[in-house]
Amino acid sequence: MDKTFFFISSLSGAIGVMLGAFGSHGLRQRLTSESMVTFEIGVRYQMYHALAMIAASIASGRWSTSSLPSVAGWLFAIGTILFSGSLYLLALTQKRWLGAITPFGGLAFIAGWVCLALSALSG
């Protein structure tokens, strides 16, 4: 499983860099400053959690007796889709209802960090 999260995290990091560049160069003139901040928060959290998935990958390889690192990795991946994805769509479409999805991604992130911490205690 550690290779899976290493792959997903690397891909997520690459997408985060591409979206950051796209936002900076392609959207700055098209979005309001508030929408631009929203988009940049999505990119920032995507990058943080790409690194978190690498940590889950390492923990999964190191503490293979526990399933918690894998659970953490999946929670980080799901959180990225829900949190960052909803912020990207919110910034681009101005559909305010998308903001209701964002907290679920945040909860997935928090749960992922808790699972990662617990994996260190159980491994």
PDB file of N, CA and C in Angstrom:
ATOM      1  N   MET A   1       0.824  -1.197   0.000  1.00  0.00           N
ATOM      2  CA  MET A   1       0.000   0.000   0.000  1.00  0.00           C
ATOM      3  C   MET A   1       0.864   1.256   0.000  1.00  0.00           C
ATOM      4  N   ASP A   2       2.075   1.155   0.511  1.00  0.00           N
ATOM      5  CA  ASP A   2       2.904   2.354   0.595  1.00  0.00           C
ATOM      6  C   ASP A   2       3.218   2.915  -0.792  1.00  0.00           C
ATOM      7  N   LYS A   3       3.363   2.067  -1.810  1.00  0.00           N
ATOM      8  CA  LYS A   3       3.609   2.562  -3.172  1.00  0.00           C
ATOM      9  C   LYS A   3       2.387   3.269  -3.729  1.00  0.00           C
ATOM     10  N   THR A   4       1.209   2.781  -3.365  1.00  0.00           N
ATOM     11  CA  THR A   4      -0.031   3.411  -3.829  1.00  0.00           C
ATOM     12  C   THR A   4      -0.090   4.856  -3.358  1.00  0.00           C
ATOM     13  N   PHE A   5       0.151   5.080  -2.065  1.00  0.00           N
ATOM     14  CA  PHE A   5       0.079   6.449  -1.553  1.00  0.00           C
ATOM     15  C   PHE A   5       1.222   7.310  -2.041  1.00  0.00           C
ATOM     16  N   PHE A   6       2.366   6.707  -2.254  1.00  0.00           N
ATOM     17  CA  PHE A   6       3.477   7.478  -2.808  1.00  0.00           C
ATOM     18  C   PHE A   6       3.108   7.947  -4.216  1.00  0.00           C
ATOM     19  N   PHE A   7       2.485   7.071  -5.009  1.00  0.00           N
ATOM     20  CA  PHE A   7       2.041   7.434  -6.353  1.00  0.00           C
ATOM     21  C   PHE A   7       0.962   8.506  -6.298  1.00  0.00           C
ATOM     22  N   ILE A   8      -0.071   8.288  -5.474  1.00  0.00           N
ATOM     23  CA  ILE A   8      -1.169   9.255  -5.375  1.00  0.00           C
ATOM     24  C   ILE A   8      -0.659  10.606  -4.888  1.00  0.00           C
ATOM     25  N   SER A   9       0.220  10.583  -3.892  1.00  0.00           N
ATOM     26  CA  SER A   9       0.735  11.849  -3.354  1.00  0.00           C
ATOM     27  C   SER A   9       1.591  12.583  -4.376  1.00  0.00           C
ATOM     28  N   SER A  10       2.386  11.847  -5.119  1.00  0.00           N
ATOM     29  CA  SER A  10       3.222  12.483  -6.144  1.00  0.00           C
ATOM     30  C   SER A  10       2.362  13.102  -7.233  1.00  0.00           C
ATOM     31  N   LEU A  11       1.329  12.372  -7.642  1.00  0.00           N
ATOM     32  CA  LEU A  11       0.412  12.894  -8.649  1.00  0.00           C
ATOM     33  C   LEU A  11      -0.345  14.112  -8.120  1.00  0.00           C
ATOM     34  N   SER A  12      -0.798  14.034  -6.871  1.00  0.00           N
ATOM     35  CA  SER A  12      -1.500  15.158  -6.264  1.00  0.00           C
ATOM     36  C   SER A  12      -0.592  16.384  -6.154  1.00  0.00           C
ATOM     37  N   GLY A  13       0.667  16.171  -5.798  1.00  0.00           N
ATOM     38  CA  GLY A  13       1.617  17.289  -5.738  1.00  0.00           C
ATOM     39  C   GLY A  13       1.819  17.927  -7.098  1.00  0.00           C
ATOM     40  N   ALA A  14       1.958  17.099  -8.140  1.00  0.00           N
ATOM     41  CA  ALA A  14       2.125  17.632  -9.501  1.00  0.00           C
ATOM     42  C   ALA A  14       0.896  18.424  -9.922  1.00  0.00           C
ATOM     43  N   ILE A  15      -0.281  17.896  -9.640  1.00  0.00           N
ATOM     44  CA  ILE A  15      -1.522  18.612  -9.982  1.00  0.00           C
ATOM     45  C   ILE A  15      -1.614  19.909  -9.198  1.00  0.00           C
ATOM     46  N   GLY A  16      -1.211  19.866  -7.919  1.00  0.00           N
ATOM     47  CA  GLY A  16      -1.218  21.083  -7.107  1.00  0.00           C
ATOM     48  C   GLY A  16      -0.318  22.166  -7.675  1.00  0.00           C
ATOM     49  N   VAL A  17       0.861  21.786  -8.136  1.00  0.00           N
ATOM     50  CA  VAL A  17       1.774  22.765  -8.749  1.00  0.00           C
ATOM     51  C   VAL A  17       1.162  23.317 -10.033  1.00  0.00           C
ATOM     52  N   MET A  18       0.585  22.436 -10.845  1.00  0.00           N
ATOM     53  CA  MET A  18      -0.031  22.897 -12.095  1.00  0.00           C
ATOM     54  C   MET A  18      -1.199  23.844 -11.824  1.00  0.00           C
ATOM     55  N   LEU A  19      -2.039  23.489 -10.842  1.00  0.00           N
ATOM     56  CA  LEU A  19      -3.170  24.361 -10.524  1.00  0.00           C
ATOM     57  C   LEU A  19      -2.701  25.686  -9.919  1.00  0.00           C
ATOM     58  N   GLY A  20      -1.646  25.624  -9.123  1.00  0.00           N
ATOM     59  CA  GLY A  20      -1.092  26.867  -8.577  1.00  0.00           C
ATOM     60  C   GLY A  20      -0.587  27.782  -9.673  1.00  0.00           C
ATOM     61  N   ALA A  21       0.104  27.214 -10.644  1.00  0.00           N
ATOM     62  CA  ALA A  21       0.596  28.018 -11.770  1.00  0.00           C
ATOM     63  C   ALA A  21      -0.555  28.528 -12.620  1.00  0.00           C
ATOM     64  N   PHE A  22      -1.533  27.666 -12.853  1.00  0.00           N
ATOM     65  CA  PHE A  22      -2.709  28.080 -13.625  1.00  0.00           C
ATOM     66  C   PHE A  22      -3.437  29.219 -12.924  1.00  0.00           C
ATOM     67  N   GLY A  23      -3.597  29.080 -11.609  1.00  0.00           N
ATOM     68  CA  GLY A  23      -4.262  30.141 -10.855  1.00  0.00           C
ATOM     69  C   GLY A  23      -3.497  31.444 -10.912  1.00  0.00           C
ATOM     70  N   SER A  24      -2.196  31.352 -10.743  1.00  0.00           N
ATOM     71  CA  SER A  24      -1.362  32.544 -10.719  1.00  0.00           C
ATOM     72  C   SER A  24      -1.282  33.238 -12.070  1.00  0.00           C
ATOM     73  N   HIS A  25      -1.182  32.438 -13.128  1.00  0.00           N
ATOM     74  CA  HIS A  25      -0.971  33.029 -14.458  1.00  0.00           C
ATOM     75  C   HIS A  25      -2.232  33.108 -15.304  1.00  0.00           C
ATOM     76  N   GLY A  26      -3.164  32.180 -15.100  1.00  0.00           N
ATOM     77  CA  GLY A  26      -4.330  32.142 -15.967  1.00  0.00           C
ATOM     78  C   GLY A  26      -5.602  32.679 -15.365  1.00  0.00           C
ATOM     79  N   LEU A  27      -5.662  32.716 -14.041  1.00  0.00           N
ATOM     80  CA  LEU A  27      -6.918  33.131 -13.404  1.00  0.00           C
ATOM     81  C   LEU A  27      -6.857  34.485 -12.728  1.00  0.00           C
ATOM     82  N   ARG A  28      -5.677  34.987 -12.474  1.00  0.00           N
ATOM     83  CA  ARG A  28      -5.542  36.223 -11.705  1.00  0.00           C
ATOM     84  C   ARG A  28      -6.363  37.377 -12.292  1.00  0.00           C
ATOM     85  N   GLN A  29      -6.436  37.471 -13.598  1.00  0.00           N
ATOM     86  CA  GLN A  29      -7.178  38.552 -14.239  1.00  0.00           C
ATOM     87  C   GLN A  29      -8.669  38.232 -14.372  1.00  0.00           C
ATOM     88  N   ARG A  30      -9.038  36.950 -14.176  1.00  0.00           N
ATOM     89  CA  ARG A  30     -10.419  36.529 -14.398  1.00  0.00           C
ATOM     90  C   ARG A  30     -11.238  36.405 -13.116  1.00  0.00           C
ATOM     91  N   LEU A  31     -10.571  36.195 -11.989  1.00  0.00           N
ATOM     92  CA  LEU A  31     -11.277  35.978 -10.726  1.00  0.00           C
ATOM     93  C   LEU A  31     -11.184  37.214  -9.843  1.00  0.00           C
ATOM     94  N   THR A  32     -12.172  37.355  -8.974  1.00  0.00           N
ATOM     95  CA  THR A  32     -12.097  38.420  -7.972  1.00  0.00           C
ATOM     96  C   THR A  32     -10.981  38.072  -6.997  1.00  0.00           C
ATOM     97  N   SER A  33     -10.540  39.032  -6.231  1.00  0.00           N
ATOM     98  CA  SER A  33      -9.476  38.754  -5.261  1.00  0.00           C
ATOM     99  C   SER A  33      -9.952  37.743  -4.223  1.00  0.00           C
ATOM    100  N   GLU A  34     -11.211  37.791  -3.839  1.00  0.00           N
ATOM    101  CA  GLU A  34     -11.755  36.823  -2.880  1.00  0.00           C
ATOM    102  C   GLU A  34     -11.743  35.409  -3.470  1.00  0.00           C
ATOM    103  N   SER A  35     -12.145  35.276  -4.721  1.00  0.00           N
ATOM    104  CA  SER A  35     -12.131  33.963  -5.371  1.00  0.00           C
ATOM    105  C   SER A  35     -10.709  33.451  -5.558  1.00  0.00           C
ATOM    106  N   MET A  36      -9.798  34.370  -5.817  1.00  0.00           N
ATOM    107  CA  MET A  36      -8.395  33.976  -5.977  1.00  0.00           C
ATOM    108  C   MET A  36      -7.842  33.431  -4.661  1.00  0.00           C
ATOM    109  N   VAL A  37      -8.179  34.065  -3.560  1.00  0.00           N
ATOM    110  CA  VAL A  37      -7.749  33.580  -2.241  1.00  0.00           C
ATOM    111  C   VAL A  37      -8.324  32.191  -1.995  1.00  0.00           C
ATOM    112  N   THR A  38      -9.589  31.991  -2.324  1.00  0.00           N
ATOM    113  CA  THR A  38     -10.233  30.686  -2.164  1.00  0.00           C
ATOM    114  C   THR A  38      -9.503  29.620  -2.971  1.00  0.00           C
ATOM    115  N   PHE A  39      -9.177  29.932  -4.215  1.00  0.00           N
ATOM    116  CA  PHE A  39      -8.462  29.002  -5.087  1.00  0.00           C
ATOM    117  C   PHE A  39      -7.088  28.678  -4.502  1.00  0.00           C
ATOM    118  N   GLU A  40      -6.382  29.693  -4.028  1.00  0.00           N
ATOM    119  CA  GLU A  40      -5.045  29.488  -3.466  1.00  0.00           C
ATOM    120  C   GLU A  40      -5.072  28.652  -2.185  1.00  0.00           C
ATOM    121  N   ILE A  41      -6.129  28.787  -1.388  1.00  0.00           N
ATOM    122  CA  ILE A  41      -6.259  27.945  -0.194  1.00  0.00           C
ATOM    123  C   ILE A  41      -6.413  26.489  -0.613  1.00  0.00           C
ATOM    124  N   GLY A  42      -7.185  26.250  -1.662  1.00  0.00           N
ATOM    125  CA  GLY A  42      -7.320  24.888  -2.180  1.00  0.00           C
ATOM    126  C   GLY A  42      -5.980  24.312  -2.594  1.00  0.00           C
ATOM    127  N   VAL A  43      -5.184  25.108  -3.304  1.00  0.00           N
ATOM    128  CA  VAL A  43      -3.856  24.649  -3.741  1.00  0.00           C
ATOM    129  C   VAL A  43      -2.964  24.380  -2.532  1.00  0.00           C
ATOM    130  N   ARG A  44      -2.982  25.278  -1.567  1.00  0.00           N
ATOM    131  CA  ARG A  44      -2.119  25.129  -0.384  1.00  0.00           C
ATOM    132  C   ARG A  44      -2.434  23.836   0.370  1.00  0.00           C
ATOM    133  N   TYR A  45      -3.709  23.584   0.622  1.00  0.00           N
ATOM    134  CA  TYR A  45      -4.081  22.380   1.349  1.00  0.00           C
ATOM    135  C   TYR A  45      -3.844  21.120   0.524  1.00  0.00           C
ATOM    136  N   GLN A  46      -3.982  21.213  -0.786  1.00  0.00           N
ATOM    137  CA  GLN A  46      -3.650  20.063  -1.622  1.00  0.00           C
ATOM    138  C   GLN A  46      -2.170  19.728  -1.489  1.00  0.00           C
ATOM    139  N   MET A  47      -1.324  20.735  -1.492  1.00  0.00           N
ATOM    140  CA  MET A  47       0.116  20.494  -1.370  1.00  0.00           C
ATOM    141  C   MET A  47       0.472  19.957   0.019  1.00  0.00           C
ATOM    142  N   TYR A  48      -0.131  20.514   1.075  1.00  0.00           N
ATOM    143  CA  TYR A  48       0.129  20.005   2.424  1.00  0.00           C
ATOM    144  C   TYR A  48      -0.200  18.520   2.495  1.00  0.00           C
ATOM    145  N   HIS A  49      -1.325  18.158   1.911  1.00  0.00           N
ATOM    146  CA  HIS A  49      -1.772  16.782   2.059  1.00  0.00           C
ATOM    147  C   HIS A  49      -1.163  15.835   1.039  1.00  0.00           C
ATOM    148  N   ALA A  50      -0.544  16.367   0.006  1.00  0.00           N
ATOM    149  CA  ALA A  50       0.307  15.522  -0.844  1.00  0.00           C
ATOM    150  C   ALA A  50       1.494  15.056  -0.003  1.00  0.00           C
ATOM    151  N   LEU A  51       2.045  15.965   0.785  1.00  0.00           N
ATOM    152  CA  LEU A  51       3.147  15.600   1.689  1.00  0.00           C
ATOM    153  C   LEU A  51       2.662  14.648   2.788  1.00  0.00           C
ATOM    154  N   ALA A  52       1.445  14.874   3.271  1.00  0.00           N
ATOM    155  CA  ALA A  52       0.891  13.988   4.302  1.00  0.00           C
ATOM    156  C   ALA A  52       0.722  12.572   3.758  1.00  0.00           C
ATOM    157  N   MET A  53       0.338  12.453   2.495  1.00  0.00           N
ATOM    158  CA  MET A  53       0.207  11.113   1.903  1.00  0.00           C
ATOM    159  C   MET A  53       1.564  10.429   1.772  1.00  0.00           C
ATOM    160  N   ILE A  54       2.617  11.212   1.553  1.00  0.00           N
ATOM    161  CA  ILE A  54       3.962  10.619   1.557  1.00  0.00           C
ATOM    162  C   ILE A  54       4.278  10.094   2.954  1.00  0.00           C
ATOM    163  N   ALA A  55       3.904  10.847   3.976  1.00  0.00           N
ATOM    164  CA  ALA A  55       4.109  10.375   5.355  1.00  0.00           C
ATOM    165  C   ALA A  55       3.318   9.087   5.592  1.00  0.00           C
ATOM    166  N   ALA A  56       2.097   9.011   5.080  1.00  0.00           N
ATOM    167  CA  ALA A  56       1.294   7.787   5.220  1.00  0.00           C
ATOM    168  C   ALA A  56       1.956   6.630   4.480  1.00  0.00           C
ATOM    169  N   SER A  57       2.546   6.930   3.331  1.00  0.00           N
ATOM    170  CA  SER A  57       3.252   5.914   2.556  1.00  0.00           C
ATOM    171  C   SER A  57       4.435   5.360   3.342  1.00  0.00           C
ATOM    172  N   ILE A  58       5.204   6.243   3.941  1.00  0.00           N
ATOM    173  CA  ILE A  58       6.370   5.830   4.735  1.00  0.00           C
ATOM    174  C   ILE A  58       5.918   5.035   5.957  1.00  0.00           C
ATOM    175  N   ALA A  59       4.891   5.539   6.633  1.00  0.00           N
ATOM    176  CA  ALA A  59       4.387   4.848   7.831  1.00  0.00           C
ATOM    177  C   ALA A  59       3.824   3.478   7.472  1.00  0.00           C
ATOM    178  N   SER A  60       3.162   3.388   6.333  1.00  0.00           N
ATOM    179  CA  SER A  60       2.598   2.113   5.897  1.00  0.00           C
ATOM    180  C   SER A  60       3.698   1.082   5.663  1.00  0.00           C
ATOM    181  N   GLY A  61       4.799   1.511   5.088  1.00  0.00           N
ATOM    182  CA  GLY A  61       5.926   0.610   4.866  1.00  0.00           C
ATOM    183  C   GLY A  61       6.663   0.256   6.140  1.00  0.00           C
ATOM    184  N   ARG A  62       6.693   1.167   7.064  1.00  0.00           N
ATOM    185  CA  ARG A  62       7.437   0.976   8.313  1.00  0.00           C
ATOM    186  C   ARG A  62       6.626   0.207   9.355  1.00  0.00           C
ATOM    187  N   TRP A  63       5.327   0.504   9.428  1.00  0.00           N
ATOM    188  CA  TRP A  63       4.459  -0.124  10.426  1.00  0.00           C
ATOM    189  C   TRP A  63       3.385  -0.939   9.715  1.00  0.00           C
ATOM    190  N   SER A  64       3.814  -1.941   8.987  1.00  0.00           N
ATOM    191  CA  SER A  64       2.892  -2.693   8.146  1.00  0.00           C
ATOM    192  C   SER A  64       1.883  -3.519   8.934  1.00  0.00           C
ATOM    193  N   THR A  65       2.072  -3.664  10.237  1.00  0.00           N
ATOM    194  CA  THR A  65       1.114  -4.431  11.034  1.00  0.00           C
ATOM    195  C   THR A  65      -0.156  -3.640  11.315  1.00  0.00           C
ATOM    196  N   SER A  66      -0.113  -2.346  11.151  1.00  0.00           N
ATOM    197  CA  SER A  66      -1.269  -1.504  11.413  1.00  0.00           C
ATOM    198  C   SER A  66      -1.888  -1.039  10.092  1.00  0.00           C
ATOM    199  N   SER A  67      -3.202  -1.010  10.052  1.00  0.00           N
ATOM    200  CA  SER A  67      -3.891  -0.493   8.864  1.00  0.00           C
ATOM    201  C   SER A  67      -4.091   1.021   8.946  1.00  0.00           C
ATOM    202  N   LEU A  68      -3.755   1.612  10.081  1.00  0.00           N
ATOM    203  CA  LEU A  68      -3.998   3.045  10.277  1.00  0.00           C
ATOM    204  C   LEU A  68      -3.277   3.946   9.269  1.00  0.00           C
ATOM    205  N   PRO A  69      -2.025   3.660   8.887  1.00  0.00           N
ATOM    206  CA  PRO A  69      -1.403   4.526   7.875  1.00  0.00           C
ATOM    207  C   PRO A  69      -2.165   4.499   6.543  1.00  0.00           C
ATOM    208  N   SER A  70      -2.681   3.332   6.173  1.00  0.00           N
ATOM    209  CA  SER A  70      -3.465   3.247   4.935  1.00  0.00           C
ATOM    210  C   SER A  70      -4.770   4.023   5.059  1.00  0.00           C
ATOM    211  N   VAL A  71      -5.412   3.896   6.193  1.00  0.00           N
ATOM    212  CA  VAL A  71      -6.643   4.657   6.431  1.00  0.00           C
ATOM    213  C   VAL A  71      -6.339   6.147   6.352  1.00  0.00           C
ATOM    214  N   ALA A  72      -5.242   6.559   6.972  1.00  0.00           N
ATOM    215  CA  ALA A  72      -4.843   7.971   6.926  1.00  0.00           C
ATOM    216  C   ALA A  72      -4.620   8.427   5.490  1.00  0.00           C
ATOM    217  N   GLY A  73      -3.914   7.617   4.713  1.00  0.00           N
ATOM    218  CA  GLY A  73      -3.657   7.980   3.320  1.00  0.00           C
ATOM    219  C   GLY A  73      -4.933   8.164   2.529  1.00  0.00           C
ATOM    220  N   TRP A  74      -5.879   7.235   2.696  1.00  0.00           N
ATOM    221  CA  TRP A  74      -7.157   7.373   1.982  1.00  0.00           C
ATOM    222  C   TRP A  74      -7.936   8.586   2.460  1.00  0.00           C
ATOM    223  N   LEU A  75      -7.896   8.860   3.760  1.00  0.00           N
ATOM    224  CA  LEU A  75      -8.582  10.054   4.275  1.00  0.00           C
ATOM    225  C   LEU A  75      -7.955  11.330   3.711  1.00  0.00           C
ATOM    226  N   PHE A  76      -6.635  11.359   3.582  1.00  0.00           N
ATOM    227  CA  PHE A  76      -5.981  12.527   2.987  1.00  0.00           C
ATOM    228  C   PHE A  76      -6.392  12.689   1.514  1.00  0.00           C
ATOM    229  N   ALA A  77      -6.469  11.569   0.794  1.00  0.00           N
ATOM    230  CA  ALA A  77      -6.860  11.629  -0.621  1.00  0.00           C
ATOM    231  C   ALA A  77      -8.303  12.100  -0.761  1.00  0.00           C
ATOM    232  N   ILE A  78      -9.202  11.540   0.046  1.00  0.00           N
ATOM    233  CA  ILE A  78     -10.606  11.941   0.009  1.00  0.00           C
ATOM    234  C   ILE A  78     -10.747  13.393   0.444  1.00  0.00           C
ATOM    235  N   GLY A  79     -10.015  13.762   1.480  1.00  0.00           N
ATOM    236  CA  GLY A  79     -10.058  15.146   1.950  1.00  0.00           C
ATOM    237  C   GLY A  79      -9.608  16.123   0.883  1.00  0.00           C
ATOM    238  N   THR A  80      -8.587  15.751   0.124  1.00  0.00           N
ATOM    239  CA  THR A  80      -8.108  16.621  -0.952  1.00  0.00           C
ATOM    240  C   THR A  80      -9.186  16.831  -1.998  1.00  0.00           C
ATOM    241  N   ILE A  81      -9.852  15.754  -2.368  1.00  0.00           N
ATOM    242  CA  ILE A  81     -10.919  15.870  -3.371  1.00  0.00           C
ATOM    243  C   ILE A  81     -12.047  16.748  -2.849  1.00  0.00           C
ATOM    244  N   LEU A  82     -12.491  16.479  -1.619  1.00  0.00           N
ATOM    245  CA  LEU A  82     -13.621  17.233  -1.075  1.00  0.00           C
ATOM    246  C   LEU A  82     -13.255  18.670  -0.720  1.00  0.00           C
ATOM    247  N   PHE A  83     -12.142  18.852  -0.010  1.00  0.00           N
ATOM    248  CA  PHE A  83     -11.768  20.185   0.456  1.00  0.00           C
ATOM    249  C   PHE A  83     -11.251  21.048  -0.697  1.00  0.00           C
ATOM    250  N   SER A  84     -10.148  20.623  -1.280  1.00  0.00           N
ATOM    251  CA  SER A  84      -9.552  21.443  -2.344  1.00  0.00           C
ATOM    252  C   SER A  84     -10.450  21.487  -3.574  1.00  0.00           C
ATOM    253  N   GLY A  85     -11.012  20.332  -3.925  1.00  0.00           N
ATOM    254  CA  GLY A  85     -11.885  20.301  -5.100  1.00  0.00           C
ATOM    255  C   GLY A  85     -13.068  21.238  -4.980  1.00  0.00           C
ATOM    256  N   SER A  86     -13.701  21.252  -3.803  1.00  0.00           N
ATOM    257  CA  SER A  86     -14.847  22.154  -3.626  1.00  0.00           C
ATOM    258  C   SER A  86     -14.418  23.619  -3.665  1.00  0.00           C
ATOM    259  N   LEU A  87     -13.238  23.920  -3.126  1.00  0.00           N
ATOM    260  CA  LEU A  87     -12.758  25.307  -3.182  1.00  0.00           C
ATOM    261  C   LEU A  87     -12.430  25.729  -4.608  1.00  0.00           C
ATOM    262  N   TYR A  88     -11.835  24.821  -5.400  1.00  0.00           N
ATOM    263  CA  TYR A  88     -11.559  25.147  -6.801  1.00  0.00           C
ATOM    264  C   TYR A  88     -12.855  25.449  -7.538  1.00  0.00           C
ATOM    265  N   LEU A  89     -13.829  24.570  -7.367  1.00  0.00           N
ATOM    266  CA  LEU A  89     -15.107  24.764  -8.058  1.00  0.00           C
ATOM    267  C   LEU A  89     -15.831  26.006  -7.572  1.00  0.00           C
ATOM    268  N   LEU A  90     -15.783  26.258  -6.277  1.00  0.00           N
ATOM    269  CA  LEU A  90     -16.394  27.461  -5.713  1.00  0.00           C
ATOM    270  C   LEU A  90     -15.771  28.719  -6.312  1.00  0.00           C
ATOM    271  N   ALA A  91     -14.449  28.753  -6.371  1.00  0.00           N
ATOM    272  CA  ALA A  91     -13.757  29.921  -6.920  1.00  0.00           C
ATOM    273  C   ALA A  91     -14.090  30.126  -8.395  1.00  0.00           C
ATOM    274  N   LEU A  92     -14.197  29.039  -9.139  1.00  0.00           N
ATOM    275  CA  LEU A  92     -14.409  29.137 -10.583  1.00  0.00           C
ATOM    276  C   LEU A  92     -15.860  29.365 -10.976  1.00  0.00           C
ATOM    277  N   THR A  93     -16.797  28.832 -10.185  1.00  0.00           N
ATOM    278  CA  THR A  93     -18.213  28.902 -10.575  1.00  0.00           C
ATOM    279  C   THR A  93     -19.042  29.874  -9.757  1.00  0.00           C
ATOM    280  N   GLN A  94     -18.537  30.263  -8.590  1.00  0.00           N
ATOM    281  CA  GLN A  94     -19.275  31.124  -7.663  1.00  0.00           C
ATOM    282  C   GLN A  94     -20.561  30.480  -7.152  1.00  0.00           C
ATOM    283  N   LYS A  95     -20.646  29.164  -7.231  1.00  0.00           N
ATOM    284  CA  LYS A  95     -21.803  28.431  -6.697  1.00  0.00           C
ATOM    285  C   LYS A  95     -21.565  28.219  -5.209  1.00  0.00           C
ATOM    286  N   ARG A  96     -22.213  29.032  -4.395  1.00  0.00           N
ATOM    287  CA  ARG A  96     -21.969  29.064  -2.953  1.00  0.00           C
ATOM    288  C   ARG A  96     -22.281  27.748  -2.250  1.00  0.00           C
ATOM    289  N   TRP A  97     -23.188  26.948  -2.778  1.00  0.00           N
ATOM    290  CA  TRP A  97     -23.545  25.681  -2.138  1.00  0.00           C
ATOM    291  C   TRP A  97     -22.350  24.737  -2.068  1.00  0.00           C
ATOM    292  N   LEU A  98     -21.351  24.942  -2.931  1.00  0.00           N
ATOM    293  CA  LEU A  98     -20.154  24.099  -2.902  1.00  0.00           C
ATOM    294  C   LEU A  98     -19.381  24.261  -1.589  1.00  0.00           C
ATOM    295  N   GLY A  99     -19.550  25.419  -0.971  1.00  0.00           N
ATOM    296  CA  GLY A  99     -18.898  25.659   0.319  1.00  0.00           C
ATOM    297  C   GLY A  99     -19.370  24.708   1.405  1.00  0.00           C
ATOM    298  N   ALA A 100     -20.547  24.094   1.218  1.00  0.00           N
ATOM    299  CA  ALA A 100     -21.058  23.139   2.202  1.00  0.00           C
ATOM    300  C   ALA A 100     -20.294  21.815   2.153  1.00  0.00           C
ATOM    301  N   ILE A 101     -19.589  21.553   1.070  1.00  0.00           N
ATOM    302  CA  ILE A 101     -18.819  20.310   0.925  1.00  0.00           C
ATOM    303  C   ILE A 101     -17.463  20.429   1.619  1.00  0.00           C
ATOM    304  N   THR A 102     -16.905  21.619   1.618  1.00  0.00           N
ATOM    305  CA  THR A 102     -15.553  21.855   2.116  1.00  0.00           C
ATOM    306  C   THR A 102     -15.306  21.318   3.527  1.00  0.00           C
ATOM    307  N   PRO A 103     -16.213  21.545   4.489  1.00  0.00           N
ATOM    308  CA  PRO A 103     -15.947  21.036   5.845  1.00  0.00           C
ATOM    309  C   PRO A 103     -15.803  19.520   5.928  1.00  0.00           C
ATOM    310  N   PHE A 104     -16.472  18.786   5.036  1.00  0.00           N
ATOM    311  CA  PHE A 104     -16.321  17.330   5.036  1.00  0.00           C
ATOM    312  C   PHE A 104     -14.898  16.933   4.654  1.00  0.00           C
ATOM    313  N   GLY A 105     -14.318  17.680   3.735  1.00  0.00           N
ATOM    314  CA  GLY A 105     -12.914  17.460   3.397  1.00  0.00           C
ATOM    315  C   GLY A 105     -12.010  17.784   4.565  1.00  0.00           C
ATOM    316  N   GLY A 106     -12.333  18.862   5.272  1.00  0.00           N
ATOM    317  CA  GLY A 106     -11.558  19.227   6.455  1.00  0.00           C
ATOM    318  C   GLY A 106     -11.630  18.153   7.533  1.00  0.00           C
ATOM    319  N   LEU A 107     -12.822  17.582   7.730  1.00  0.00           N
ATOM    320  CA  LEU A 107     -12.964  16.487   8.696  1.00  0.00           C
ATOM    321  C   LEU A 107     -12.150  15.270   8.273  1.00  0.00           C
ATOM    322  N   ALA A 108     -12.125  14.989   6.978  1.00  0.00           N
ATOM    323  CA  ALA A 108     -11.307  13.872   6.486  1.00  0.00           C
ATOM    324  C   ALA A 108      -9.828  14.133   6.758  1.00  0.00           C
ATOM    325  N   PHE A 109      -9.386  15.381   6.545  1.00  0.00           N
ATOM    326  CA  PHE A 109      -7.997  15.727   6.852  1.00  0.00           C
ATOM    327  C   PHE A 109      -7.688  15.492   8.332  1.00  0.00           C
ATOM    328  N   ILE A 110      -8.564  15.993   9.198  1.00  0.00           N
ATOM    329  CA  ILE A 110      -8.346  15.851  10.643  1.00  0.00           C
ATOM    330  C   ILE A 110      -8.301  14.377  11.029  1.00  0.00           C
ATOM    331  N   ALA A 111      -9.252  13.606  10.530  1.00  0.00           N
ATOM    332  CA  ALA A 111      -9.286  12.179  10.838  1.00  0.00           C
ATOM    333  C   ALA A 111      -8.022  11.480  10.319  1.00  0.00           C
ATOM    334  N   GLY A 112      -7.539  11.900   9.149  1.00  0.00           N
ATOM    335  CA  GLY A 112      -6.306  11.334   8.612  1.00  0.00           C
ATOM    336  C   GLY A 112      -5.113  11.609   9.506  1.00  0.00           C
ATOM    337  N   TRP A 113      -5.022  12.826  10.006  1.00  0.00           N
ATOM    338  CA  TRP A 113      -3.909  13.162  10.904  1.00  0.00           C
ATOM    339  C   TRP A 113      -3.998  12.372  12.204  1.00  0.00           C
ATOM    340  N   VAL A 114      -5.214  12.194  12.722  1.00  0.00           N
ATOM    341  CA  VAL A 114      -5.382  11.408  13.949  1.00  0.00           C
ATOM    342  C   VAL A 114      -4.977   9.955  13.698  1.00  0.00           C
ATOM    343  N   CYS A 115      -5.400   9.394  12.572  1.00  0.00           N
ATOM    344  CA  CYS A 115      -5.011   8.011  12.235  1.00  0.00           C
ATOM    345  C   CYS A 115      -3.500   7.883  12.095  1.00  0.00           C
ATOM    346  N   LEU A 116      -2.881   8.879  11.472  1.00  0.00           N
ATOM    347  CA  LEU A 116      -1.428   8.835  11.323  1.00  0.00           C
ATOM    348  C   LEU A 116      -0.733   8.885  12.671  1.00  0.00           C
ATOM    349  N   ALA A 117      -1.237   9.743  13.559  1.00  0.00           N
ATOM    350  CA  ALA A 117      -0.656   9.823  14.903  1.00  0.00           C
ATOM    351  C   ALA A 117      -0.847   8.513  15.658  1.00  0.00           C
ATOM    352  N   LEU A 118      -2.031   7.937  15.572  1.00  0.00           N
ATOM    353  CA  LEU A 118      -2.303   6.680  16.281  1.00  0.00           C
ATOM    354  C   LEU A 118      -1.464   5.535  15.697  1.00  0.00           C
ATOM    355  N   SER A 119      -1.164   5.608  14.412  1.00  0.00           N
ATOM    356  CA  SER A 119      -0.355   4.537  13.804  1.00  0.00           C
ATOM    357  C   SER A 119       1.046   4.507  14.415  1.00  0.00           C
ATOM    358  N   ALA A 120       1.545   5.653  14.820  1.00  0.00           N
ATOM    359  CA  ALA A 120       2.869   5.695  15.457  1.00  0.00           C
ATOM    360  C   ALA A 120       2.832   5.011  16.819  1.00  0.00           C
ATOM    361  N   LEU A 121       1.689   5.097  17.485  1.00  0.00           N
ATOM    362  CA  LEU A 121       1.560   4.465  18.810  1.00  0.00           C
ATOM    363  C   LEU A 121       1.308   2.966  18.696  1.00  0.00           C
ATOM    364  N   SER A 122       0.637   2.563  17.614  1.00  0.00           N
ATOM    365  CA  SER A 122       0.280   1.152  17.497  1.00  0.00           C
ATOM    366  C   SER A 122       1.329   0.340  16.750  1.00  0.00           C
ATOM    367  N   GLY A 123       2.233   1.030  16.037  1.00  0.00           N
ATOM    368  CA  GLY A 123       3.230   0.318  15.226  1.00  0.00           C
ATOM    369  C   GLY A 123       4.399  -0.052  16.040  1.00  0.00           C
TER     370      GLY A 123
END
